[in-house]
Amino acid sequence: MNASSGKQLRADLIVIAALLLLSGILFLALRLGRREGGVAVVRVDGVETERHLLSVDGVFPLNGGSNILVIEDGQAWLSEADCPDLLCVRQGKVHYTGEVITCLPNRLTVTVEGGDSNGVDLVVG
């Protein structure tokens, strides 16, 4: 190994270490910056149709029964759907502000938003 390849290897290692350090800092910042949500907002075709408090357990048929939303222990998830791939069901539980469950075939999203719901348990439009 000659001197120039040794310098190049050292420079590569410094760049890799810097990228790993930056990735770790960003990961921690995002992880520590998460906030527990308070409301699951349901939208169909981008139009808000319902709001459910994450503090109130329940099972809610959505979009004419095409999807079933479950809220339990402050978490929300879709337990059933009539779409062919069931990706929305497999997305799992959400509870942090900004997390979203999406069912593309049924044009439905469930988004977790902040805790203030003005005391409203359910709004159907």
Protein backbone atom coordinates (compact mmCIF):
# COMPACT_ATOMS: atom_id res chain seq x y z
CA MET A 1 0.00 0.00 0.00
CA ASN A 2 1.43 3.38 -0.96
CA ALA A 3 1.10 6.66 0.93
CA SER A 4 -1.61 8.18 -1.27
CA SER A 5 -3.93 5.16 -0.90
CA GLY A 6 -3.42 5.31 2.88
CA LYS A 7 -4.45 8.98 2.90
CA GLN A 8 -7.47 8.15 0.73
CA LEU A 9 -8.53 5.35 3.10
CA ARG A 10 -8.19 7.69 6.09
CA ALA A 11 -10.29 10.36 4.32
CA ASP A 12 -12.95 7.77 3.44
CA LEU A 13 -13.09 6.59 7.05
CA ILE A 14 -13.50 10.18 8.28
CA VAL A 15 -16.37 10.77 5.84
CA ILE A 16 -18.06 7.51 6.87
CA ALA A 17 -17.66 8.32 10.57
CA ALA A 18 -19.08 11.82 10.05
CA LEU A 19 -22.09 10.43 8.17
CA LEU A 20 -22.74 7.84 10.87
CA LEU A 21 -22.51 10.50 13.57
CA LEU A 22 -24.88 12.80 11.68
CA SER A 23 -27.32 9.92 11.14
CA GLY A 24 -27.25 9.10 14.84
CA ILE A 25 -27.89 12.70 15.83
CA LEU A 26 -30.82 12.99 13.40
CA PHE A 27 -32.27 9.69 14.62
CA LEU A 28 -32.11 10.82 18.25
CA ALA A 29 -33.57 14.24 17.44
CA LEU A 30 -36.51 12.68 15.62
CA ARG A 31 -36.99 10.03 18.28
CA LEU A 32 -36.88 12.46 21.20
CA GLY A 33 -39.01 15.03 19.36
CA ARG A 34 -42.01 12.73 18.92
CA ARG A 35 -45.18 13.67 20.73
CA GLU A 36 -48.05 11.42 21.71
CA GLY A 37 -51.09 12.22 19.64
CA GLY A 38 -54.57 12.72 21.01
CA VAL A 39 -56.89 12.36 18.03
CA ALA A 40 -57.23 9.99 15.06
CA VAL A 41 -58.47 12.01 12.09
CA VAL A 42 -60.17 10.01 9.33
CA ARG A 43 -60.19 11.36 5.78
CA VAL A 44 -61.79 9.89 2.66
CA ASP A 45 -60.73 11.41 -0.67
CA GLY A 46 -58.85 14.01 1.39
CA VAL A 47 -62.02 15.22 3.13
CA GLU A 48 -62.19 14.87 6.91
CA THR A 49 -65.10 12.60 7.87
CA GLU A 50 -64.45 11.65 11.49
CA ARG A 51 -62.31 12.38 14.57
CA HIS A 52 -61.80 9.89 17.37
CA LEU A 53 -60.03 10.53 20.67
CA LEU A 54 -57.17 8.10 21.26
CA SER A 55 -58.12 8.17 24.95
CA VAL A 56 -61.52 6.57 24.24
CA ASP A 57 -61.38 2.85 23.32
CA GLY A 58 -63.71 1.68 20.59
CA VAL A 59 -64.26 -0.06 17.28
CA PHE A 60 -65.42 2.15 14.41
CA PRO A 61 -66.54 1.15 10.90
CA LEU A 62 -65.14 3.65 8.40
CA ASN A 63 -65.98 4.60 4.84
CA GLY A 64 -69.26 2.70 4.77
CA GLY A 65 -67.72 -0.30 6.55
CA SER A 66 -64.88 -0.84 4.09
CA ASN A 67 -62.37 -0.43 6.94
CA ILE A 68 -62.58 -1.07 10.69
CA LEU A 69 -60.68 1.31 12.99
CA VAL A 70 -59.78 0.08 16.47
CA ILE A 71 -58.67 2.44 19.23
CA GLU A 72 -57.32 0.88 22.38
CA ASP A 73 -54.83 1.99 25.05
CA GLY A 74 -54.12 5.24 23.20
CA GLN A 75 -53.25 3.52 19.92
CA ALA A 76 -55.16 3.28 16.64
CA TRP A 77 -55.01 0.67 13.89
CA LEU A 78 -57.09 -0.77 11.09
CA SER A 79 -58.12 -4.31 12.03
CA GLU A 80 -60.06 -5.10 8.86
CA ALA A 81 -60.37 -3.84 5.30
CA ASP A 82 -62.02 -5.00 2.12
CA CYS A 83 -59.08 -4.03 -0.09
CA PRO A 84 -57.19 -6.84 -1.87
CA ASP A 85 -53.68 -6.33 -0.45
CA LEU A 86 -54.53 -5.39 3.19
CA LEU A 87 -51.44 -3.18 3.42
CA CYS A 88 -53.39 -0.76 5.61
CA VAL A 89 -54.08 -3.53 8.13
CA ARG A 90 -50.41 -4.53 8.17
CA GLN A 91 -49.22 -0.96 8.85
CA GLY A 92 -49.77 -1.59 12.54
CA LYS A 93 -50.57 0.69 15.43
CA VAL A 94 -50.07 4.46 15.44
CA HIS A 95 -50.06 6.90 18.34
CA TYR A 96 -47.47 9.60 17.67
CA THR A 97 -48.44 12.94 16.12
CA GLY A 98 -47.95 12.81 12.36
CA GLU A 99 -48.20 9.04 11.94
CA VAL A 100 -50.55 7.97 9.15
CA ILE A 101 -52.30 4.78 8.09
CA THR A 102 -53.26 4.79 4.42
CA CYS A 103 -55.63 2.57 2.44
CA LEU A 104 -55.16 3.57 -1.19
CA PRO A 105 -57.87 1.34 -2.73
CA ASN A 106 -60.48 2.83 -0.37
CA ARG A 107 -58.97 6.37 -0.58
CA LEU A 108 -58.83 6.50 3.23
CA THR A 109 -56.25 7.90 5.65
CA VAL A 110 -56.11 7.89 9.43
CA THR A 111 -53.76 10.57 10.75
CA VAL A 112 -52.74 11.05 14.37
CA GLU A 113 -52.90 14.69 15.40
CA GLY A 114 -52.22 16.61 18.61
CA GLY A 115 -54.18 16.20 21.78
CA ASP A 116 -56.65 19.09 21.55
CA SER A 117 -60.02 17.98 20.23
CA ASN A 118 -62.14 20.64 21.99
CA GLY A 119 -63.96 17.95 23.97
CA VAL A 120 -65.51 16.38 20.84
CA ASP A 121 -65.58 12.57 20.85
CA LEU A 122 -66.79 12.03 17.28
CA VAL A 123 -67.54 14.25 14.32
CA VAL A 124 -69.23 12.72 11.28
CA GLY A 125 -69.62 14.90 8.20
